[in-house]
Amino acid sequence: MNAMIKQAVDHWRYVAPLLSRPETAEDYDTLVESLDELLDIVGDDEGHPLSSLMHQLGTLVFEYENEHTPMPDSHGISAMVFLMQQQGLTQADLSDIAPQSVISEIISGKRHLNIRHIKLLCKSFNVSSDTFF
């Protein structure tokens, strides 16, 4: 057995839960918490050793949300843009919600607001989640 496979075998029981598709809301919440921790560690550093793990967890979260959560329509995006304008904020000012590039894609309609974004927007703007639905 080569060294890389041996290391994977030795550590798989710790890594496998992070790479498993969430089946329940509890699994999803755990995955989102793990993703948030990785986002804090990795940030925007695409060269970080944990970057690929962060992207994989992001994909699993995205797929779960697409299956289990109705996505808000453009009303939510319009509300976000309105609140940004009211407070004189730029896309970069929402970096605690998502990177500027993601905010730009949301505003342009290339991406949707997800539940995590909405929770953070509600906290940031001190508004109800109904604002974005």
N, C-alpha and C. Protein backbone atom coordinates (compact mmCIF):
# COMPACT_ATOMS: atom_id res chain seq x y z
N MET A 1 0.86 -1.17 0.00
CA MET A 1 0.00 0.00 0.00
C MET A 1 0.91 1.24 0.00
N ASN A 2 0.61 2.18 -0.93
CA ASN A 2 1.47 3.36 -0.96
C ASN A 2 1.17 4.27 0.23
N ALA A 3 2.08 5.18 0.53
CA ALA A 3 2.00 6.01 1.73
C ALA A 3 0.76 6.91 1.75
N MET A 4 0.38 7.44 0.59
CA MET A 4 -0.77 8.34 0.54
C MET A 4 -2.06 7.58 0.88
N ILE A 5 -2.21 6.39 0.33
CA ILE A 5 -3.39 5.57 0.61
C ILE A 5 -3.40 5.16 2.08
N LYS A 6 -2.24 4.80 2.61
CA LYS A 6 -2.15 4.41 4.01
C LYS A 6 -2.61 5.56 4.91
N GLN A 7 -2.17 6.78 4.61
CA GLN A 7 -2.61 7.93 5.41
C GLN A 7 -4.12 8.14 5.29
N ALA A 8 -4.65 7.98 4.09
CA ALA A 8 -6.09 8.14 3.89
C ALA A 8 -6.85 7.09 4.70
N VAL A 9 -6.39 5.86 4.67
CA VAL A 9 -7.04 4.78 5.43
C VAL A 9 -6.99 5.09 6.93
N ASP A 10 -5.82 5.53 7.41
CA ASP A 10 -5.65 5.82 8.83
C ASP A 10 -6.55 6.96 9.32
N HIS A 11 -6.86 7.91 8.46
CA HIS A 11 -7.61 9.11 8.86
C HIS A 11 -9.03 9.17 8.30
N TRP A 12 -9.42 8.16 7.54
CA TRP A 12 -10.70 8.22 6.84
C TRP A 12 -11.89 8.42 7.78
N ARG A 13 -11.89 7.77 8.93
CA ARG A 13 -13.04 7.89 9.84
C ARG A 13 -13.25 9.32 10.31
N TYR A 14 -12.20 10.14 10.25
CA TYR A 14 -12.33 11.55 10.64
C TYR A 14 -12.76 12.43 9.46
N VAL A 15 -12.37 12.03 8.27
CA VAL A 15 -12.62 12.83 7.08
C VAL A 15 -13.96 12.47 6.42
N ALA A 16 -14.32 11.22 6.44
CA ALA A 16 -15.52 10.74 5.74
C ALA A 16 -16.79 11.52 6.09
N PRO A 17 -17.04 11.84 7.36
CA PRO A 17 -18.28 12.59 7.66
C PRO A 17 -18.33 13.96 6.97
N LEU A 18 -17.18 14.56 6.73
CA LEU A 18 -17.14 15.86 6.05
C LEU A 18 -17.46 15.73 4.56
N LEU A 19 -17.22 14.57 4.01
CA LEU A 19 -17.40 14.38 2.57
C LEU A 19 -18.70 13.64 2.23
N SER A 20 -19.47 13.32 3.25
CA SER A 20 -20.72 12.59 3.02
C SER A 20 -21.86 13.57 2.75
N ARG A 21 -22.71 13.17 1.84
CA ARG A 21 -23.88 13.98 1.49
C ARG A 21 -24.81 14.05 2.70
N PRO A 22 -25.25 15.26 3.10
CA PRO A 22 -26.15 15.35 4.25
C PRO A 22 -27.51 14.73 3.92
N GLU A 23 -28.01 13.92 4.84
CA GLU A 23 -29.30 13.26 4.64
C GLU A 23 -30.40 13.91 5.47
N THR A 24 -30.02 14.57 6.56
CA THR A 24 -31.01 15.20 7.44
C THR A 24 -30.66 16.67 7.64
N ALA A 25 -31.59 17.41 8.22
CA ALA A 25 -31.34 18.82 8.52
C ALA A 25 -30.19 18.94 9.52
N GLU A 26 -30.08 18.00 10.43
CA GLU A 26 -28.98 18.01 11.40
C GLU A 26 -27.64 17.80 10.69
N ASP A 27 -27.58 16.85 9.76
CA ASP A 27 -26.37 16.64 8.96
C ASP A 27 -26.00 17.92 8.22
N TYR A 28 -27.02 18.56 7.64
CA TYR A 28 -26.81 19.80 6.89
C TYR A 28 -26.24 20.89 7.80
N ASP A 29 -26.84 21.06 8.99
CA ASP A 29 -26.37 22.08 9.93
C ASP A 29 -24.92 21.84 10.33
N THR A 30 -24.58 20.58 10.57
CA THR A 30 -23.20 20.23 10.92
C THR A 30 -22.26 20.56 9.77
N LEU A 31 -22.68 20.26 8.56
CA LEU A 31 -21.87 20.55 7.38
C LEU A 31 -21.68 22.05 7.20
N VAL A 32 -22.74 22.83 7.41
CA VAL A 32 -22.65 24.29 7.28
C VAL A 32 -21.69 24.85 8.33
N GLU A 33 -21.77 24.34 9.57
CA GLU A 33 -20.85 24.78 10.62
C GLU A 33 -19.41 24.47 10.24
N SER A 34 -19.18 23.29 9.69
CA SER A 34 -17.83 22.91 9.26
C SER A 34 -17.36 23.81 8.13
N LEU A 35 -18.25 24.10 7.18
CA LEU A 35 -17.91 24.99 6.08
C LEU A 35 -17.57 26.39 6.59
N ASP A 36 -18.35 26.89 7.55
CA ASP A 36 -18.07 28.21 8.12
C ASP A 36 -16.69 28.25 8.77
N GLU A 37 -16.34 27.18 9.49
CA GLU A 37 -15.02 27.11 10.11
C GLU A 37 -13.93 27.13 9.04
N LEU A 38 -14.13 26.36 7.98
CA LEU A 38 -13.15 26.33 6.90
C LEU A 38 -13.04 27.69 6.21
N LEU A 39 -14.17 28.38 6.03
CA LEU A 39 -14.14 29.71 5.42
C LEU A 39 -13.32 30.66 6.27
N ASP A 40 -13.43 30.55 7.60
CA ASP A 40 -12.64 31.39 8.50
C ASP A 40 -11.15 31.07 8.38
N ILE A 41 -10.83 29.80 8.23
CA ILE A 41 -9.43 29.37 8.14
C ILE A 41 -8.84 29.70 6.78
N VAL A 42 -9.54 29.35 5.71
CA VAL A 42 -9.01 29.47 4.34
C VAL A 42 -9.16 30.88 3.79
N GLY A 43 -10.29 31.51 4.06
CA GLY A 43 -10.55 32.85 3.50
C GLY A 43 -10.59 32.78 1.98
N ASP A 44 -9.95 33.73 1.34
CA ASP A 44 -9.92 33.79 -0.12
C ASP A 44 -8.66 33.15 -0.71
N ASP A 45 -7.87 32.46 0.12
CA ASP A 45 -6.60 31.87 -0.32
C ASP A 45 -6.84 30.56 -1.06
N GLU A 46 -6.95 30.65 -2.39
CA GLU A 46 -7.20 29.46 -3.22
C GLU A 46 -6.04 28.45 -3.14
N GLY A 47 -4.87 28.90 -2.71
CA GLY A 47 -3.73 28.01 -2.59
C GLY A 47 -3.63 27.31 -1.24
N HIS A 48 -4.55 27.62 -0.34
CA HIS A 48 -4.52 27.02 0.99
C HIS A 48 -4.74 25.51 0.87
N PRO A 49 -4.04 24.72 1.68
CA PRO A 49 -4.19 23.26 1.59
C PRO A 49 -5.62 22.76 1.82
N LEU A 50 -6.43 23.52 2.53
CA LEU A 50 -7.81 23.09 2.80
C LEU A 50 -8.82 23.69 1.83
N SER A 51 -8.34 24.41 0.83
CA SER A 51 -9.23 25.06 -0.14
C SER A 51 -10.11 24.06 -0.87
N SER A 52 -9.54 22.95 -1.30
CA SER A 52 -10.34 21.97 -2.05
C SER A 52 -11.40 21.32 -1.15
N LEU A 53 -11.07 21.11 0.12
CA LEU A 53 -12.06 20.57 1.06
C LEU A 53 -13.19 21.58 1.25
N MET A 54 -12.84 22.86 1.36
CA MET A 54 -13.84 23.91 1.51
C MET A 54 -14.78 23.93 0.30
N HIS A 55 -14.22 23.82 -0.90
CA HIS A 55 -15.04 23.82 -2.11
C HIS A 55 -15.95 22.59 -2.16
N GLN A 56 -15.44 21.45 -1.74
CA GLN A 56 -16.25 20.22 -1.73
C GLN A 56 -17.41 20.36 -0.76
N LEU A 57 -17.15 20.89 0.43
CA LEU A 57 -18.23 21.10 1.39
C LEU A 57 -19.24 22.10 0.85
N GLY A 58 -18.76 23.14 0.19
CA GLY A 58 -19.65 24.12 -0.43
C GLY A 58 -20.56 23.48 -1.45
N THR A 59 -20.03 22.56 -2.23
CA THR A 59 -20.83 21.85 -3.23
C THR A 59 -21.89 20.99 -2.55
N LEU A 60 -21.53 20.29 -1.49
CA LEU A 60 -22.50 19.46 -0.77
C LEU A 60 -23.61 20.31 -0.16
N VAL A 61 -23.25 21.46 0.41
CA VAL A 61 -24.24 22.38 0.98
C VAL A 61 -25.16 22.90 -0.11
N PHE A 62 -24.57 23.31 -1.23
CA PHE A 62 -25.34 23.84 -2.35
C PHE A 62 -26.34 22.81 -2.87
N GLU A 63 -25.89 21.57 -3.04
CA GLU A 63 -26.77 20.52 -3.55
C GLU A 63 -27.91 20.23 -2.57
N TYR A 64 -27.61 20.21 -1.28
CA TYR A 64 -28.65 19.97 -0.28
C TYR A 64 -29.68 21.10 -0.31
N GLU A 65 -29.20 22.34 -0.37
CA GLU A 65 -30.10 23.49 -0.40
C GLU A 65 -30.97 23.48 -1.65
N ASN A 66 -30.40 23.10 -2.78
CA ASN A 66 -31.19 23.04 -4.01
C ASN A 66 -32.31 22.01 -3.91
N GLU A 67 -32.06 20.92 -3.21
CA GLU A 67 -33.06 19.86 -3.08
C GLU A 67 -34.10 20.15 -2.00
N HIS A 68 -33.68 20.81 -0.92
CA HIS A 68 -34.54 20.91 0.25
C HIS A 68 -35.04 22.31 0.60
N THR A 69 -34.54 23.31 -0.06
CA THR A 69 -34.89 24.67 0.29
C THR A 69 -35.34 25.43 -0.94
N PRO A 70 -36.54 25.97 -0.92
CA PRO A 70 -36.94 26.79 -2.05
C PRO A 70 -36.08 28.05 -2.10
N MET A 71 -35.59 28.35 -3.27
CA MET A 71 -34.75 29.52 -3.43
C MET A 71 -35.60 30.78 -3.59
N PRO A 72 -35.19 31.85 -2.94
CA PRO A 72 -35.93 33.09 -3.11
C PRO A 72 -35.81 33.60 -4.54
N ASP A 73 -36.83 34.29 -5.00
CA ASP A 73 -36.78 34.86 -6.35
C ASP A 73 -36.01 36.17 -6.30
N SER A 74 -36.09 36.92 -7.37
CA SER A 74 -35.31 38.15 -7.46
C SER A 74 -35.76 39.19 -6.45
N HIS A 75 -36.92 38.99 -5.82
CA HIS A 75 -37.38 39.91 -4.78
C HIS A 75 -36.31 40.05 -3.69
N GLY A 76 -35.72 38.93 -3.28
CA GLY A 76 -34.69 38.95 -2.25
C GLY A 76 -33.46 39.72 -2.69
N ILE A 77 -33.10 39.55 -3.94
CA ILE A 77 -31.94 40.27 -4.48
C ILE A 77 -32.24 41.76 -4.52
N SER A 78 -33.44 42.11 -4.96
CA SER A 78 -33.85 43.52 -4.99
C SER A 78 -33.82 44.13 -3.59
N ALA A 79 -34.29 43.36 -2.62
CA ALA A 79 -34.28 43.84 -1.24
C ALA A 79 -32.85 44.07 -0.76
N MET A 80 -31.95 43.14 -1.09
CA MET A 80 -30.56 43.28 -0.69
C MET A 80 -29.95 44.54 -1.31
N VAL A 81 -30.17 44.74 -2.60
CA VAL A 81 -29.63 45.91 -3.30
C VAL A 81 -30.20 47.19 -2.68
N PHE A 82 -31.50 47.21 -2.40
CA PHE A 82 -32.14 48.38 -1.79
C PHE A 82 -31.49 48.70 -0.44
N LEU A 83 -31.32 47.68 0.41
CA LEU A 83 -30.72 47.89 1.72
C LEU A 83 -29.27 48.37 1.61
N MET A 84 -28.55 47.83 0.63
CA MET A 84 -27.17 48.29 0.40
C MET A 84 -27.17 49.77 0.03
N GLN A 85 -28.05 50.16 -0.87
CA GLN A 85 -28.12 51.55 -1.31
C GLN A 85 -28.52 52.47 -0.16
N GLN A 86 -29.49 52.04 0.64
CA GLN A 86 -29.96 52.85 1.77
C GLN A 86 -28.84 53.12 2.76
N GLN A 87 -27.94 52.15 2.92
CA GLN A 87 -26.87 52.30 3.90
C GLN A 87 -25.55 52.70 3.25
N GLY A 88 -25.58 52.94 1.94
CA GLY A 88 -24.37 53.38 1.24
C GLY A 88 -23.27 52.33 1.21
N LEU A 89 -23.66 51.07 1.11
CA LEU A 89 -22.70 49.97 1.13
C LEU A 89 -22.35 49.53 -0.29
N THR A 90 -21.14 49.04 -0.45
CA THR A 90 -20.70 48.45 -1.71
C THR A 90 -20.71 46.93 -1.57
N GLN A 91 -20.48 46.25 -2.66
CA GLN A 91 -20.41 44.79 -2.62
C GLN A 91 -19.31 44.33 -1.67
N ALA A 92 -18.19 45.02 -1.68
CA ALA A 92 -17.07 44.67 -0.81
C ALA A 92 -17.43 44.80 0.67
N ASP A 93 -18.36 45.70 0.99
CA ASP A 93 -18.78 45.88 2.38
C ASP A 93 -19.54 44.67 2.92
N LEU A 94 -19.99 43.79 2.04
CA LEU A 94 -20.72 42.60 2.47
C LEU A 94 -19.82 41.37 2.55
N SER A 95 -18.52 41.60 2.75
CA SER A 95 -17.57 40.48 2.76
C SER A 95 -17.83 39.50 3.90
N ASP A 96 -18.55 39.93 4.95
CA ASP A 96 -18.89 38.99 6.02
C ASP A 96 -20.04 38.07 5.60
N ILE A 97 -20.73 38.42 4.50
CA ILE A 97 -21.81 37.59 3.96
C ILE A 97 -21.24 36.60 2.95
N ALA A 98 -20.43 37.13 2.03
CA ALA A 98 -19.81 36.33 0.96
C ALA A 98 -18.73 37.19 0.31
N PRO A 99 -17.78 36.56 -0.38
CA PRO A 99 -16.78 37.35 -1.10
C PRO A 99 -17.44 38.29 -2.12
N GLN A 100 -16.79 39.38 -2.43
CA GLN A 100 -17.33 40.38 -3.36
C GLN A 100 -17.74 39.75 -4.67
N SER A 101 -16.97 38.79 -5.16
CA SER A 101 -17.29 38.15 -6.44
C SER A 101 -18.63 37.41 -6.37
N VAL A 102 -18.91 36.80 -5.23
CA VAL A 102 -20.18 36.08 -5.06
C VAL A 102 -21.33 37.07 -4.96
N ILE A 103 -21.14 38.16 -4.22
CA ILE A 103 -22.17 39.20 -4.12
C ILE A 103 -22.48 39.74 -5.51
N SER A 104 -21.45 39.95 -6.31
CA SER A 104 -21.63 40.44 -7.68
C SER A 104 -22.46 39.46 -8.51
N GLU A 105 -22.16 38.17 -8.38
CA GLU A 105 -22.92 37.16 -9.13
C GLU A 105 -24.37 37.09 -8.66
N ILE A 106 -24.60 37.29 -7.38
CA ILE A 106 -25.97 37.30 -6.86
C ILE A 106 -26.74 38.48 -7.46
N ILE A 107 -26.12 39.65 -7.42
CA ILE A 107 -26.79 40.85 -7.93
C ILE A 107 -27.07 40.73 -9.43
N SER A 108 -26.14 40.11 -10.16
CA SER A 108 -26.33 39.98 -11.61
C SER A 108 -27.26 38.83 -11.98
N GLY A 109 -27.69 38.04 -11.00
CA GLY A 109 -28.62 36.95 -11.27
C GLY A 109 -27.94 35.64 -11.64
N LYS A 110 -26.62 35.59 -11.59
CA LYS A 110 -25.90 34.35 -11.91
C LYS A 110 -25.97 33.35 -10.76
N ARG A 111 -26.22 33.86 -9.56
CA ARG A 111 -26.36 33.02 -8.37
C ARG A 111 -27.61 33.45 -7.62
N HIS A 112 -28.07 32.57 -6.75
CA HIS A 112 -29.20 32.88 -5.89
C HIS A 112 -28.70 33.12 -4.47
N LEU A 113 -29.48 33.84 -3.70
CA LEU A 113 -29.22 33.92 -2.27
C LEU A 113 -29.52 32.54 -1.68
N ASN A 114 -28.64 32.04 -0.83
CA ASN A 114 -28.95 30.80 -0.15
C ASN A 114 -29.33 31.10 1.30
N ILE A 115 -29.70 30.10 2.02
CA ILE A 115 -30.16 30.28 3.40
C ILE A 115 -29.08 30.92 4.26
N ARG A 116 -27.85 30.51 4.08
CA ARG A 116 -26.74 31.09 4.85
C ARG A 116 -26.63 32.58 4.57
N HIS A 117 -26.68 32.97 3.28
CA HIS A 117 -26.61 34.39 2.92
C HIS A 117 -27.75 35.15 3.59
N ILE A 118 -28.96 34.61 3.50
CA ILE A 118 -30.13 35.29 4.04
C ILE A 118 -30.01 35.47 5.55
N LYS A 119 -29.56 34.44 6.26
CA LYS A 119 -29.38 34.56 7.71
C LYS A 119 -28.41 35.68 8.03
N LEU A 120 -27.30 35.73 7.31
CA LEU A 120 -26.29 36.76 7.56
C LEU A 120 -26.78 38.14 7.16
N LEU A 121 -27.54 38.23 6.06
CA LEU A 121 -28.10 39.52 5.65
C LEU A 121 -29.10 40.02 6.71
N CYS A 122 -29.93 39.13 7.22
CA CYS A 122 -30.89 39.51 8.26
C CYS A 122 -30.18 40.08 9.48
N LYS A 123 -29.11 39.41 9.87
CA LYS A 123 -28.33 39.87 11.02
C LYS A 123 -27.66 41.21 10.72
N SER A 124 -27.06 41.32 9.56
CA SER A 124 -26.33 42.53 9.18
C SER A 124 -27.24 43.75 9.06
N PHE A 125 -28.42 43.56 8.44
CA PHE A 125 -29.33 44.68 8.20
C PHE A 125 -30.43 44.78 9.27
N ASN A 126 -30.43 43.82 10.22
CA ASN A 126 -31.42 43.81 11.29
C ASN A 126 -32.85 43.82 10.73
N VAL A 127 -33.10 42.89 9.81
CA VAL A 127 -34.42 42.75 9.20
C VAL A 127 -34.88 41.30 9.31
N SER A 128 -36.15 41.08 9.10
CA SER A 128 -36.74 39.74 9.12
C SER A 128 -36.34 38.98 7.85
N SER A 129 -36.32 37.66 7.95
CA SER A 129 -36.02 36.85 6.77
C SER A 129 -37.10 37.01 5.70
N ASP A 130 -38.31 37.42 6.10
CA ASP A 130 -39.39 37.66 5.13
C ASP A 130 -38.99 38.71 4.10
N THR A 131 -38.06 39.57 4.45
CA THR A 131 -37.58 40.62 3.55
C THR A 131 -37.03 40.02 2.26
N PHE A 132 -36.46 38.82 2.35
CA PHE A 132 -35.77 38.23 1.21
C PHE A 132 -36.57 37.14 0.51
N PHE A 133 -37.82 36.94 0.91
CA PHE A 133 -38.66 35.93 0.26
C PHE A 133 -39.84 36.57 -0.42
